[in-house]
Amino acid sequence: MRVQTLQDYQTGYRRTLLSILLGAAAFVLLIACANVANMLLARAAGRGRELAVRAALGAGRRRIARQLLTESALLALGGALTGTALAVGATSLLRRSIPAELASFVAGWDRMTVDGRPWSLLRC
């Protein structure tokens, strides 16, 4: 005899599929991060003359580094806010677009939300 929770009974066979989907999404995110890093490096290389002029005018290394870090942080914040807004909108649209007949076959479909807690992935 084998004892298991109701959640494991309902989602046990989907766990492998969801793990593969999570891995694919993480891989796409890794590719996107690498592309953004490459664009930032290319932009920094193109700004070499500007940074040399700032240094010649008396700006110290800390000030130049602080400016570059501030620009990168603002870019990251804008991307994070845009990504979060898109995720919330897409989740809401997805929940509304699935017919009730199909939603009844998927456990927890009505509770699907965007969860920003990093430890929530460990509960699978």
PDB file of N, CA and C in Angstrom:
ATOM      1  N   MET A   1       0.838  -1.156   0.000  1.00  0.00           N
ATOM      2  CA  MET A   1       0.000   0.000   0.000  1.00  0.00           C
ATOM      3  C   MET A   1       0.895   1.235   0.000  1.00  0.00           C
ATOM      4  N   ARG A   2       0.476   2.245  -0.715  1.00  0.00           N
ATOM      5  CA  ARG A   2       1.253   3.475  -0.828  1.00  0.00           C
ATOM      6  C   ARG A   2       0.377   4.659  -0.436  1.00  0.00           C
ATOM      7  N   VAL A   3       0.875   5.492   0.445  1.00  0.00           N
ATOM      8  CA  VAL A   3       0.128   6.655   0.907  1.00  0.00           C
ATOM      9  C   VAL A   3       0.742   7.899   0.276  1.00  0.00           C
ATOM     10  N   GLN A   4      -0.115   8.743  -0.296  1.00  0.00           N
ATOM     11  CA  GLN A   4       0.351   9.993  -0.876  1.00  0.00           C
ATOM     12  C   GLN A   4      -0.702  11.074  -0.675  1.00  0.00           C
ATOM     13  N   THR A   5      -0.262  12.306  -0.753  1.00  0.00           N
ATOM     14  CA  THR A   5      -1.189  13.414  -0.552  1.00  0.00           C
ATOM     15  C   THR A   5      -2.069  13.581  -1.786  1.00  0.00           C
ATOM     16  N   LEU A   6      -3.161  14.305  -1.617  1.00  0.00           N
ATOM     17  CA  LEU A   6      -4.068  14.554  -2.724  1.00  0.00           C
ATOM     18  C   LEU A   6      -3.374  15.386  -3.808  1.00  0.00           C
ATOM     19  N   GLN A   7      -2.555  16.341  -3.375  1.00  0.00           N
ATOM     20  CA  GLN A   7      -1.838  17.163  -4.341  1.00  0.00           C
ATOM     21  C   GLN A   7      -0.886  16.306  -5.183  1.00  0.00           C
ATOM     22  N   ASP A   8      -0.166  15.390  -4.550  1.00  0.00           N
ATOM     23  CA  ASP A   8       0.713  14.496  -5.302  1.00  0.00           C
ATOM     24  C   ASP A   8      -0.086  13.594  -6.238  1.00  0.00           C
ATOM     25  N   TYR A   9      -1.235  13.149  -5.811  1.00  0.00           N
ATOM     26  CA  TYR A   9      -2.074  12.295  -6.640  1.00  0.00           C
ATOM     27  C   TYR A   9      -2.550  13.047  -7.879  1.00  0.00           C
ATOM     28  N   GLN A  10      -2.916  14.334  -7.711  1.00  0.00           N
ATOM     29  CA  GLN A  10      -3.448  15.103  -8.830  1.00  0.00           C
ATOM     30  C   GLN A  10      -2.359  15.612  -9.761  1.00  0.00           C
ATOM     31  N   THR A  11      -1.190  15.926  -9.237  1.00  0.00           N
ATOM     32  CA  THR A  11      -0.158  16.554 -10.057  1.00  0.00           C
ATOM     33  C   THR A  11       1.091  15.713 -10.232  1.00  0.00           C
ATOM     34  N   GLY A  12       1.121  14.516  -9.687  1.00  0.00           N
ATOM     35  CA  GLY A  12       2.328  13.699  -9.730  1.00  0.00           C
ATOM     36  C   GLY A  12       2.818  13.401 -11.128  1.00  0.00           C
ATOM     37  N   TYR A  13       1.918  13.063 -12.033  1.00  0.00           N
ATOM     38  CA  TYR A  13       2.322  12.717 -13.380  1.00  0.00           C
ATOM     39  C   TYR A  13       2.698  13.940 -14.209  1.00  0.00           C
ATOM     40  N   ARG A  14       2.303  15.113 -13.764  1.00  0.00           N
ATOM     41  CA  ARG A  14       2.638  16.345 -14.484  1.00  0.00           C
ATOM     42  C   ARG A  14       3.947  16.963 -13.989  1.00  0.00           C
ATOM     43  N   ARG A  15       4.463  16.467 -12.892  1.00  0.00           N
ATOM     44  CA  ARG A  15       5.643  17.065 -12.285  1.00  0.00           C
ATOM     45  C   ARG A  15       6.843  17.050 -13.232  1.00  0.00           C
ATOM     46  N   THR A  16       7.052  15.958 -13.947  1.00  0.00           N
ATOM     47  CA  THR A  16       8.172  15.872 -14.884  1.00  0.00           C
ATOM     48  C   THR A  16       8.004  16.880 -16.001  1.00  0.00           C
ATOM     49  N   LEU A  17       6.800  16.979 -16.531  1.00  0.00           N
ATOM     50  CA  LEU A  17       6.538  17.943 -17.597  1.00  0.00           C
ATOM     51  C   LEU A  17       6.748  19.369 -17.111  1.00  0.00           C
ATOM     52  N   LEU A  18       6.284  19.671 -15.908  1.00  0.00           N
ATOM     53  CA  LEU A  18       6.462  21.011 -15.363  1.00  0.00           C
ATOM     54  C   LEU A  18       7.933  21.313 -15.079  1.00  0.00           C
ATOM     55  N   SER A  19       8.694  20.311 -14.667  1.00  0.00           N
ATOM     56  CA  SER A  19      10.129  20.506 -14.441  1.00  0.00           C
ATOM     57  C   SER A  19      10.848  20.811 -15.750  1.00  0.00           C
ATOM     58  N   ILE A  20      10.481  20.123 -16.822  1.00  0.00           N
ATOM     59  CA  ILE A  20      11.069  20.397 -18.131  1.00  0.00           C
ATOM     60  C   ILE A  20      10.695  21.799 -18.594  1.00  0.00           C
ATOM     61  N   LEU A  21       9.450  22.189 -18.388  1.00  0.00           N
ATOM     62  CA  LEU A  21       9.003  23.527 -18.766  1.00  0.00           C
ATOM     63  C   LEU A  21       9.740  24.599 -17.967  1.00  0.00           C
ATOM     64  N   LEU A  22       9.949  24.361 -16.683  1.00  0.00           N
ATOM     65  CA  LEU A  22      10.694  25.298 -15.852  1.00  0.00           C
ATOM     66  C   LEU A  22      12.143  25.412 -16.332  1.00  0.00           C
ATOM     67  N   GLY A  23      12.753  24.282 -16.675  1.00  0.00           N
ATOM     68  CA  GLY A  23      14.114  24.306 -17.194  1.00  0.00           C
ATOM     69  C   GLY A  23      14.210  25.063 -18.513  1.00  0.00           C
ATOM     70  N   ALA A  24      13.236  24.877 -19.391  1.00  0.00           N
ATOM     71  CA  ALA A  24      13.236  25.598 -20.669  1.00  0.00           C
ATOM     72  C   ALA A  24      13.080  27.095 -20.441  1.00  0.00           C
ATOM     73  N   ALA A  25      12.206  27.483 -19.529  1.00  0.00           N
ATOM     74  CA  ALA A  25      12.026  28.905 -19.235  1.00  0.00           C
ATOM     75  C   ALA A  25      13.294  29.502 -18.627  1.00  0.00           C
ATOM     76  N   ALA A  26      13.955  28.751 -17.759  1.00  0.00           N
ATOM     77  CA  ALA A  26      15.213  29.237 -17.174  1.00  0.00           C
ATOM     78  C   ALA A  26      16.291  29.382 -18.246  1.00  0.00           C
ATOM     79  N   PHE A  27      16.324  28.468 -19.213  1.00  0.00           N
ATOM     80  CA  PHE A  27      17.300  28.547 -20.297  1.00  0.00           C
ATOM     81  C   PHE A  27      17.040  29.770 -21.173  1.00  0.00           C
ATOM     82  N   VAL A  28      15.776  30.059 -21.474  1.00  0.00           N
ATOM     83  CA  VAL A  28      15.432  31.255 -22.260  1.00  0.00           C
ATOM     84  C   VAL A  28      15.814  32.510 -21.490  1.00  0.00           C
ATOM     85  N   LEU A  29      15.586  32.513 -20.181  1.00  0.00           N
ATOM     86  CA  LEU A  29      15.976  33.655 -19.354  1.00  0.00           C
ATOM     87  C   LEU A  29      17.489  33.834 -19.349  1.00  0.00           C
ATOM     88  N   LEU A  30      18.228  32.734 -19.293  1.00  0.00           N
ATOM     89  CA  LEU A  30      19.683  32.803 -19.352  1.00  0.00           C
ATOM     90  C   LEU A  30      20.163  33.389 -20.672  1.00  0.00           C
ATOM     91  N   ILE A  31      19.556  32.994 -21.766  1.00  0.00           N
ATOM     92  CA  ILE A  31      19.920  33.540 -23.075  1.00  0.00           C
ATOM     93  C   ILE A  31      19.615  35.031 -23.134  1.00  0.00           C
ATOM     94  N   ALA A  32      18.459  35.439 -22.604  1.00  0.00           N
ATOM     95  CA  ALA A  32      18.098  36.863 -22.609  1.00  0.00           C
ATOM     96  C   ALA A  32      19.081  37.674 -21.770  1.00  0.00           C
ATOM     97  N   CYS A  33      19.471  37.155 -20.618  1.00  0.00           N
ATOM     98  CA  CYS A  33      20.438  37.860 -19.763  1.00  0.00           C
ATOM     99  C   CYS A  33      21.793  37.979 -20.455  1.00  0.00           C
ATOM    100  N   ALA A  34      22.212  36.935 -21.151  1.00  0.00           N
ATOM    101  CA  ALA A  34      23.482  36.989 -21.879  1.00  0.00           C
ATOM    102  C   ALA A  34      23.424  38.021 -22.998  1.00  0.00           C
ATOM    103  N   ASN A  35      22.289  38.114 -23.674  1.00  0.00           N
ATOM    104  CA  ASN A  35      22.143  39.108 -24.733  1.00  0.00           C
ATOM    105  C   ASN A  35      22.185  40.532 -24.182  1.00  0.00           C
ATOM    106  N   VAL A  36      21.528  40.767 -23.077  1.00  0.00           N
ATOM    107  CA  VAL A  36      21.543  42.103 -22.470  1.00  0.00           C
ATOM    108  C   VAL A  36      22.955  42.456 -22.003  1.00  0.00           C
ATOM    109  N   ALA A  37      23.650  41.505 -21.397  1.00  0.00           N
ATOM    110  CA  ALA A  37      25.027  41.756 -20.969  1.00  0.00           C
ATOM    111  C   ALA A  37      25.921  42.074 -22.164  1.00  0.00           C
ATOM    112  N   ASN A  38      25.727  41.374 -23.265  1.00  0.00           N
ATOM    113  CA  ASN A  38      26.505  41.636 -24.467  1.00  0.00           C
ATOM    114  C   ASN A  38      26.218  43.030 -25.020  1.00  0.00           C
ATOM    115  N   MET A  39      24.952  43.440 -25.001  1.00  0.00           N
ATOM    116  CA  MET A  39      24.615  44.786 -25.477  1.00  0.00           C
ATOM    117  C   MET A  39      25.208  45.856 -24.571  1.00  0.00           C
ATOM    118  N   LEU A  40      25.204  45.625 -23.250  1.00  0.00           N
ATOM    119  CA  LEU A  40      25.807  46.595 -22.329  1.00  0.00           C
ATOM    120  C   LEU A  40      27.314  46.704 -22.550  1.00  0.00           C
ATOM    121  N   LEU A  41      27.971  45.581 -22.800  1.00  0.00           N
ATOM    122  CA  LEU A  41      29.413  45.617 -23.073  1.00  0.00           C
ATOM    123  C   LEU A  41      29.715  46.347 -24.374  1.00  0.00           C
ATOM    124  N   ALA A  42      28.905  46.106 -25.399  1.00  0.00           N
ATOM    125  CA  ALA A  42      29.109  46.791 -26.675  1.00  0.00           C
ATOM    126  C   ALA A  42      28.886  48.294 -26.521  1.00  0.00           C
ATOM    127  N   ARG A  43      27.878  48.652 -25.745  1.00  0.00           N
ATOM    128  CA  ARG A  43      27.609  50.076 -25.516  1.00  0.00           C
ATOM    129  C   ARG A  43      28.739  50.726 -24.731  1.00  0.00           C
ATOM    130  N   ALA A  44      29.268  50.018 -23.749  1.00  0.00           N
ATOM    131  CA  ALA A  44      30.377  50.556 -22.953  1.00  0.00           C
ATOM    132  C   ALA A  44      31.629  50.706 -23.811  1.00  0.00           C
ATOM    133  N   ALA A  45      31.862  49.760 -24.701  1.00  0.00           N
ATOM    134  CA  ALA A  45      33.024  49.863 -25.585  1.00  0.00           C
ATOM    135  C   ALA A  45      32.876  51.039 -26.536  1.00  0.00           C
ATOM    136  N   GLY A  46      31.664  51.305 -26.974  1.00  0.00           N
ATOM    137  CA  GLY A  46      31.418  52.450 -27.854  1.00  0.00           C
ATOM    138  C   GLY A  46      31.514  53.787 -27.140  1.00  0.00           C
ATOM    139  N   ARG A  47      31.393  53.776 -25.829  1.00  0.00           N
ATOM    140  CA  ARG A  47      31.466  55.021 -25.053  1.00  0.00           C
ATOM    141  C   ARG A  47      32.872  55.286 -24.529  1.00  0.00           C
ATOM    142  N   GLY A  48      33.845  54.584 -25.031  1.00  0.00           N
ATOM    143  CA  GLY A  48      35.222  54.754 -24.561  1.00  0.00           C
ATOM    144  C   GLY A  48      35.718  56.178 -24.681  1.00  0.00           C
ATOM    145  N   ARG A  49      35.400  56.827 -25.799  1.00  0.00           N
ATOM    146  CA  ARG A  49      35.842  58.209 -26.007  1.00  0.00           C
ATOM    147  C   ARG A  49      35.185  59.154 -24.999  1.00  0.00           C
ATOM    148  N   GLU A  50      33.885  58.965 -24.771  1.00  0.00           N
ATOM    149  CA  GLU A  50      33.172  59.807 -23.804  1.00  0.00           C
ATOM    150  C   GLU A  50      33.768  59.647 -22.404  1.00  0.00           C
ATOM    151  N   LEU A  51      34.048  58.417 -22.016  1.00  0.00           N
ATOM    152  CA  LEU A  51      34.608  58.175 -20.691  1.00  0.00           C
ATOM    153  C   LEU A  51      36.023  58.740 -20.581  1.00  0.00           C
ATOM    154  N   ALA A  52      36.774  58.702 -21.675  1.00  0.00           N
ATOM    155  CA  ALA A  52      38.119  59.282 -21.667  1.00  0.00           C
ATOM    156  C   ALA A  52      38.053  60.794 -21.505  1.00  0.00           C
ATOM    157  N   VAL A  53      37.079  61.435 -22.147  1.00  0.00           N
ATOM    158  CA  VAL A  53      36.918  62.888 -22.008  1.00  0.00           C
ATOM    159  C   VAL A  53      36.515  63.229 -20.581  1.00  0.00           C
ATOM    160  N   ARG A  54      35.608  62.455 -19.985  1.00  0.00           N
ATOM    161  CA  ARG A  54      35.199  62.710 -18.597  1.00  0.00           C
ATOM    162  C   ARG A  54      36.393  62.567 -17.647  1.00  0.00           C
ATOM    163  N   ALA A  55      37.214  61.542 -17.897  1.00  0.00           N
ATOM    164  CA  ALA A  55      38.398  61.349 -17.051  1.00  0.00           C
ATOM    165  C   ALA A  55      39.386  62.495 -17.248  1.00  0.00           C
ATOM    166  N   ALA A  56      39.524  62.981 -18.474  1.00  0.00           N
ATOM    167  CA  ALA A  56      40.447  64.085 -18.746  1.00  0.00           C
ATOM    168  C   ALA A  56      39.964  65.377 -18.103  1.00  0.00           C
ATOM    169  N   LEU A  57      38.660  65.532 -17.972  1.00  0.00           N
ATOM    170  CA  LEU A  57      38.104  66.734 -17.350  1.00  0.00           C
ATOM    171  C   LEU A  57      38.134  66.673 -15.828  1.00  0.00           C
ATOM    172  N   GLY A  58      38.576  65.538 -15.277  1.00  0.00           N
ATOM    173  CA  GLY A  58      38.752  65.476 -13.834  1.00  0.00           C
ATOM    174  C   GLY A  58      37.844  64.525 -13.095  1.00  0.00           C
ATOM    175  N   ALA A  59      37.014  63.796 -13.781  1.00  0.00           N
ATOM    176  CA  ALA A  59      36.148  62.835 -13.104  1.00  0.00           C
ATOM    177  C   ALA A  59      36.996  61.638 -12.653  1.00  0.00           C
ATOM    178  N   GLY A  60      36.818  61.243 -11.414  1.00  0.00           N
ATOM    179  CA  GLY A  60      37.577  60.118 -10.892  1.00  0.00           C
ATOM    180  C   GLY A  60      36.977  58.788 -11.327  1.00  0.00           C
ATOM    181  N   ARG A  61      37.703  57.737 -11.050  1.00  0.00           N
ATOM    182  CA  ARG A  61      37.229  56.408 -11.434  1.00  0.00           C
ATOM    183  C   ARG A  61      35.942  56.037 -10.710  1.00  0.00           C
ATOM    184  N   ARG A  62      35.859  56.428  -9.454  1.00  0.00           N
ATOM    185  CA  ARG A  62      34.642  56.119  -8.693  1.00  0.00           C
ATOM    186  C   ARG A  62      33.427  56.818  -9.284  1.00  0.00           C
ATOM    187  N   ARG A  63      33.582  58.051  -9.664  1.00  0.00           N
ATOM    188  CA  ARG A  63      32.458  58.803 -10.223  1.00  0.00           C
ATOM    189  C   ARG A  63      32.009  58.200 -11.552  1.00  0.00           C
ATOM    190  N   ILE A  64      32.953  57.816 -12.378  1.00  0.00           N
ATOM    191  CA  ILE A  64      32.604  57.202 -13.663  1.00  0.00           C
ATOM    192  C   ILE A  64      31.950  55.847 -13.432  1.00  0.00           C
ATOM    193  N   ALA A  65      32.502  55.063 -12.512  1.00  0.00           N
ATOM    194  CA  ALA A  65      31.911  53.757 -12.205  1.00  0.00           C
ATOM    195  C   ALA A  65      30.517  53.914 -11.610  1.00  0.00           C
ATOM    196  N   ARG A  66      30.345  54.926 -10.749  1.00  0.00           N
ATOM    197  CA  ARG A  66      29.035  55.170 -10.155  1.00  0.00           C
ATOM    198  C   ARG A  66      28.015  55.545 -11.223  1.00  0.00           C
ATOM    199  N   GLN A  67      28.422  56.346 -12.210  1.00  0.00           N
ATOM    200  CA  GLN A  67      27.523  56.728 -13.294  1.00  0.00           C
ATOM    201  C   GLN A  67      27.116  55.500 -14.112  1.00  0.00           C
ATOM    202  N   LEU A  68      28.084  54.666 -14.436  1.00  0.00           N
ATOM    203  CA  LEU A  68      27.777  53.466 -15.229  1.00  0.00           C
ATOM    204  C   LEU A  68      26.896  52.491 -14.457  1.00  0.00           C
ATOM    205  N   LEU A  69      27.159  52.345 -13.162  1.00  0.00           N
ATOM    206  CA  LEU A  69      26.321  51.462 -12.345  1.00  0.00           C
ATOM    207  C   LEU A  69      24.902  52.003 -12.195  1.00  0.00           C
ATOM    208  N   THR A  70      24.781  53.328 -12.073  1.00  0.00           N
ATOM    209  CA  THR A  70      23.452  53.928 -11.969  1.00  0.00           C
ATOM    210  C   THR A  70      22.662  53.717 -13.251  1.00  0.00           C
ATOM    211  N   GLU A  71      23.301  53.904 -14.390  1.00  0.00           N
ATOM    212  CA  GLU A  71      22.617  53.683 -15.662  1.00  0.00           C
ATOM    213  C   GLU A  71      22.184  52.226 -15.806  1.00  0.00           C
ATOM    214  N   SER A  72      23.052  51.304 -15.428  1.00  0.00           N
ATOM    215  CA  SER A  72      22.713  49.879 -15.526  1.00  0.00           C
ATOM    216  C   SER A  72      21.591  49.511 -14.559  1.00  0.00           C
ATOM    217  N   ALA A  73      21.622  50.081 -13.349  1.00  0.00           N
ATOM    218  CA  ALA A  73      20.573  49.789 -12.368  1.00  0.00           C
ATOM    219  C   ALA A  73      19.221  50.321 -12.834  1.00  0.00           C
ATOM    220  N   LEU A  74      19.199  51.514 -13.422  1.00  0.00           N
ATOM    221  CA  LEU A  74      17.937  52.055 -13.937  1.00  0.00           C
ATOM    222  C   LEU A  74      17.412  51.214 -15.095  1.00  0.00           C
ATOM    223  N   LEU A  75      18.303  50.743 -15.941  1.00  0.00           N
ATOM    224  CA  LEU A  75      17.900  49.868 -17.040  1.00  0.00           C
ATOM    225  C   LEU A  75      17.335  48.557 -16.504  1.00  0.00           C
ATOM    226  N   ALA A  76      17.975  47.990 -15.499  1.00  0.00           N
ATOM    227  CA  ALA A  76      17.492  46.739 -14.896  1.00  0.00           C
ATOM    228  C   ALA A  76      16.150  46.946 -14.198  1.00  0.00           C
ATOM    229  N   LEU A  77      15.990  48.056 -13.499  1.00  0.00           N
ATOM    230  CA  LEU A  77      14.728  48.341 -12.824  1.00  0.00           C
ATOM    231  C   LEU A  77      13.595  48.500 -13.830  1.00  0.00           C
ATOM    232  N   GLY A  78      13.857  49.211 -14.908  1.00  0.00           N
ATOM    233  CA  GLY A  78      12.839  49.361 -15.952  1.00  0.00           C
ATOM    234  C   GLY A  78      12.463  48.029 -16.571  1.00  0.00           C
ATOM    235  N   GLY A  79      13.443  47.183 -16.828  1.00  0.00           N
ATOM    236  CA  GLY A  79      13.160  45.856 -17.367  1.00  0.00           C
ATOM    237  C   GLY A  79      12.383  44.988 -16.401  1.00  0.00           C
ATOM    238  N   ALA A  80      12.731  45.066 -15.123  1.00  0.00           N
ATOM    239  CA  ALA A  80      12.027  44.268 -14.117  1.00  0.00           C
ATOM    240  C   ALA A  80      10.567  44.707 -13.983  1.00  0.00           C
ATOM    241  N   LEU A  81      10.337  46.006 -13.973  1.00  0.00           N
ATOM    242  CA  LEU A  81       8.964  46.508 -13.870  1.00  0.00           C
ATOM    243  C   LEU A  81       8.144  46.136 -15.103  1.00  0.00           C
ATOM    244  N   THR A  82       8.749  46.254 -16.278  1.00  0.00           N
ATOM    245  CA  THR A  82       8.047  45.889 -17.508  1.00  0.00           C
ATOM    246  C   THR A  82       7.755  44.397 -17.540  1.00  0.00           C
ATOM    247  N   GLY A  83       8.723  43.585 -17.164  1.00  0.00           N
ATOM    248  CA  GLY A  83       8.522  42.136 -17.136  1.00  0.00           C
ATOM    249  C   GLY A  83       7.456  41.712 -16.142  1.00  0.00           C
ATOM    250  N   THR A  84       7.445  42.337 -14.981  1.00  0.00           N
ATOM    251  CA  THR A  84       6.432  42.015 -13.978  1.00  0.00           C
ATOM    252  C   THR A  84       5.039  42.401 -14.463  1.00  0.00           C
ATOM    253  N   ALA A  85       4.922  43.581 -15.070  1.00  0.00           N
ATOM    254  CA  ALA A  85       3.622  44.012 -15.595  1.00  0.00           C
ATOM    255  C   ALA A  85       3.148  43.071 -16.699  1.00  0.00           C
ATOM    256  N   LEU A  86       4.052  42.654 -17.568  1.00  0.00           N
ATOM    257  CA  LEU A  86       3.675  41.714 -18.626  1.00  0.00           C
ATOM    258  C   LEU A  86       3.272  40.361 -18.053  1.00  0.00           C
ATOM    259  N   ALA A  87       3.962  39.890 -17.036  1.00  0.00           N
ATOM    260  CA  ALA A  87       3.628  38.602 -16.424  1.00  0.00           C
ATOM    261  C   ALA A  87       2.262  38.643 -15.757  1.00  0.00           C
ATOM    262  N   VAL A  88       1.980  39.722 -15.041  1.00  0.00           N
ATOM    263  CA  VAL A  88       0.676  39.843 -14.379  1.00  0.00           C
ATOM    264  C   VAL A  88      -0.438  39.934 -15.420  1.00  0.00           C
ATOM    265  N   GLY A  89      -0.214  40.721 -16.459  1.00  0.00           N
ATOM    266  CA  GLY A  89      -1.217  40.847 -17.524  1.00  0.00           C
ATOM    267  C   GLY A  89      -1.436  39.541 -18.271  1.00  0.00           C
ATOM    268  N   ALA A  90      -0.353  38.841 -18.591  1.00  0.00           N
ATOM    269  CA  ALA A  90      -0.481  37.579 -19.317  1.00  0.00           C
ATOM    270  C   ALA A  90      -1.167  36.518 -18.461  1.00  0.00           C
ATOM    271  N   THR A  91      -0.872  36.494 -17.170  1.00  0.00           N
ATOM    272  CA  THR A  91      -1.524  35.529 -16.277  1.00  0.00           C
ATOM    273  C   THR A  91      -3.023  35.799 -16.193  1.00  0.00           C
ATOM    274  N   SER A  92      -3.379  37.064 -16.074  1.00  0.00           N
ATOM    275  CA  SER A  92      -4.791  37.423 -16.010  1.00  0.00           C
ATOM    276  C   SER A  92      -5.501  37.065 -17.317  1.00  0.00           C
ATOM    277  N   LEU A  93      -4.855  37.358 -18.432  1.00  0.00           N
ATOM    278  CA  LEU A  93      -5.434  37.031 -19.737  1.00  0.00           C
ATOM    279  C   LEU A  93      -5.579  35.525 -19.917  1.00  0.00           C
ATOM    280  N   LEU A  94      -4.580  34.773 -19.478  1.00  0.00           N
ATOM    281  CA  LEU A  94      -4.628  33.321 -19.595  1.00  0.00           C
ATOM    282  C   LEU A  94      -5.744  32.735 -18.740  1.00  0.00           C
ATOM    283  N   ARG A  95      -5.907  33.231 -17.540  1.00  0.00           N
ATOM    284  CA  ARG A  95      -6.967  32.720 -16.658  1.00  0.00           C
ATOM    285  C   ARG A  95      -8.348  32.994 -17.236  1.00  0.00           C
ATOM    286  N   ARG A  96      -8.512  34.159 -17.889  1.00  0.00           N
ATOM    287  CA  ARG A  96      -9.813  34.493 -18.460  1.00  0.00           C
ATOM    288  C   ARG A  96     -10.089  33.780 -19.773  1.00  0.00           C
ATOM    289  N   SER A  97      -9.053  33.370 -20.498  1.00  0.00           N
ATOM    290  CA  SER A  97      -9.256  32.804 -21.825  1.00  0.00           C
ATOM    291  C   SER A  97      -9.525  31.303 -21.824  1.00  0.00           C
ATOM    292  N   ILE A  98      -9.235  30.605 -20.730  1.00  0.00           N
ATOM    293  CA  ILE A  98      -9.463  29.162 -20.668  1.00  0.00           C
ATOM    294  C   ILE A  98     -10.934  28.887 -20.330  1.00  0.00           C
ATOM    295  N   PRO A  99     -11.590  28.058 -21.130  1.00  0.00           N
ATOM    296  CA  PRO A  99     -12.991  27.731 -20.831  1.00  0.00           C
ATOM    297  C   PRO A  99     -13.117  26.988 -19.500  1.00  0.00           C
ATOM    298  N   ALA A 100     -14.261  27.131 -18.872  1.00  0.00           N
ATOM    299  CA  ALA A 100     -14.498  26.519 -17.560  1.00  0.00           C
ATOM    300  C   ALA A 100     -14.428  25.000 -17.636  1.00  0.00           C
ATOM    301  N   GLU A 101     -14.793  24.414 -18.789  1.00  0.00           N
ATOM    302  CA  GLU A 101     -14.752  22.958 -18.918  1.00  0.00           C
ATOM    303  C   GLU A 101     -13.317  22.444 -18.839  1.00  0.00           C
ATOM    304  N   LEU A 102     -12.374  23.168 -19.440  1.00  0.00           N
ATOM    305  CA  LEU A 102     -10.970  22.755 -19.395  1.00  0.00           C
ATOM    306  C   LEU A 102     -10.328  23.093 -18.058  1.00  0.00           C
ATOM    307  N   ALA A 103     -10.722  24.213 -17.475  1.00  0.00           N
ATOM    308  CA  ALA A 103     -10.118  24.629 -16.202  1.00  0.00           C
ATOM    309  C   ALA A 103     -10.435  23.656 -15.084  1.00  0.00           C
ATOM    310  N   SER A 104     -11.544  22.943 -15.176  1.00  0.00           N
ATOM    311  CA  SER A 104     -11.898  22.004 -14.115  1.00  0.00           C
ATOM    312  C   SER A 104     -10.985  20.779 -14.110  1.00  0.00           C
ATOM    313  N   PHE A 105     -10.287  20.510 -15.211  1.00  0.00           N
ATOM    314  CA  PHE A 105      -9.382  19.359 -15.281  1.00  0.00           C
ATOM    315  C   PHE A 105      -8.004  19.648 -14.700  1.00  0.00           C
ATOM    316  N   VAL A 106      -7.677  20.908 -14.510  1.00  0.00           N
ATOM    317  CA  VAL A 106      -6.350  21.283 -14.013  1.00  0.00           C
ATOM    318  C   VAL A 106      -6.485  21.741 -12.570  1.00  0.00           C
ATOM    319  N   ALA A 107      -5.822  21.040 -11.666  1.00  0.00           N
ATOM    320  CA  ALA A 107      -5.913  21.379 -10.249  1.00  0.00           C
ATOM    321  C   ALA A 107      -5.224  22.715  -9.977  1.00  0.00           C
ATOM    322  N   GLY A 108      -5.899  23.594  -9.299  1.00  0.00           N
ATOM    323  CA  GLY A 108      -5.319  24.868  -8.909  1.00  0.00           C
ATOM    324  C   GLY A 108      -5.331  25.930  -9.976  1.00  0.00           C
ATOM    325  N   TRP A 109      -6.033  25.712 -11.066  1.00  0.00           N
ATOM    326  CA  TRP A 109      -6.039  26.686 -12.157  1.00  0.00           C
ATOM    327  C   TRP A 109      -6.606  28.030 -11.691  1.00  0.00           C
ATOM    328  N   ASP A 110      -7.632  27.995 -10.867  1.00  0.00           N
ATOM    329  CA  ASP A 110      -8.271  29.221 -10.402  1.00  0.00           C
ATOM    330  C   ASP A 110      -7.408  29.992  -9.411  1.00  0.00           C
ATOM    331  N   ARG A 111      -6.373  29.363  -8.856  1.00  0.00           N
ATOM    332  CA  ARG A 111      -5.488  30.039  -7.907  1.00  0.00           C
ATOM    333  C   ARG A 111      -4.169  30.478  -8.539  1.00  0.00           C
ATOM    334  N   MET A 112      -4.049  30.386  -9.848  1.00  0.00           N
ATOM    335  CA  MET A 112      -2.802  30.726 -10.534  1.00  0.00           C
ATOM    336  C   MET A 112      -2.543  32.230 -10.436  1.00  0.00           C
ATOM    337  N   THR A 113      -1.391  32.590  -9.901  1.00  0.00           N
ATOM    338  CA  THR A 113      -0.998  33.991  -9.774  1.00  0.00           C
ATOM    339  C   THR A 113       0.501  34.112 -10.030  1.00  0.00           C
ATOM    340  N   VAL A 114       0.955  35.341 -10.144  1.00  0.00           N
ATOM    341  CA  VAL A 114       2.386  35.610 -10.225  1.00  0.00           C
ATOM    342  C   VAL A 114       2.899  35.679  -8.800  1.00  0.00           C
ATOM    343  N   ASP A 115       3.874  34.845  -8.488  1.00  0.00           N
ATOM    344  CA  ASP A 115       4.397  34.755  -7.131  1.00  0.00           C
ATOM    345  C   ASP A 115       5.860  35.177  -7.158  1.00  0.00           C
ATOM    346  N   GLY A 116       6.210  36.235  -6.472  1.00  0.00           N
ATOM    347  CA  GLY A 116       7.563  36.747  -6.490  1.00  0.00           C
ATOM    348  C   GLY A 116       8.484  36.175  -5.443  1.00  0.00           C
ATOM    349  N   ARG A 117       7.965  35.273  -4.605  1.00  0.00           N
ATOM    350  CA  ARG A 117       8.816  34.696  -3.572  1.00  0.00           C
ATOM    351  C   ARG A 117       9.749  33.672  -4.198  1.00  0.00           C
ATOM    352  N   PRO A 118      11.061  33.791  -3.977  1.00  0.00           N
ATOM    353  CA  PRO A 118      11.988  32.861  -4.616  1.00  0.00           C
ATOM    354  C   PRO A 118      11.865  31.438  -4.101  1.00  0.00           C
ATOM    355  N   TRP A 119      11.393  31.228  -2.885  1.00  0.00           N
ATOM    356  CA  TRP A 119      11.296  29.888  -2.325  1.00  0.00           C
ATOM    357  C   TRP A 119      10.038  29.173  -2.788  1.00  0.00           C
ATOM    358  N   SER A 120       9.142  29.834  -3.518  1.00  0.00           N
ATOM    359  CA  SER A 120       7.907  29.192  -3.936  1.00  0.00           C
ATOM    360  C   SER A 120       8.167  28.091  -4.961  1.00  0.00           C
ATOM    361  N   LEU A 121       9.283  28.156  -5.680  1.00  0.00           N
ATOM    362  CA  LEU A 121       9.611  27.114  -6.655  1.00  0.00           C
ATOM    363  C   LEU A 121      10.032  25.820  -5.963  1.00  0.00           C
ATOM    364  N   LEU A 122      10.466  25.903  -4.741  1.00  0.00           N
ATOM    365  CA  LEU A 122      10.933  24.722  -4.033  1.00  0.00           C
ATOM    366  C   LEU A 122       9.790  23.858  -3.507  1.00  0.00           C
ATOM    367  N   ARG A 123       8.581  24.373  -3.541  1.00  0.00           N
ATOM    368  CA  ARG A 123       7.444  23.620  -3.010  1.00  0.00           C
ATOM    369  C   ARG A 123       6.861  22.632  -4.023  1.00  0.00           C
ATOM    370  N   CYS A 124       7.358  22.595  -5.248  1.00  0.00           N
ATOM    371  CA  CYS A 124       6.784  21.726  -6.291  1.00  0.00           C
ATOM    372  C   CYS A 124       6.803  20.279  -5.889  1.00  0.00           C
TER     373      CYS A 124
END
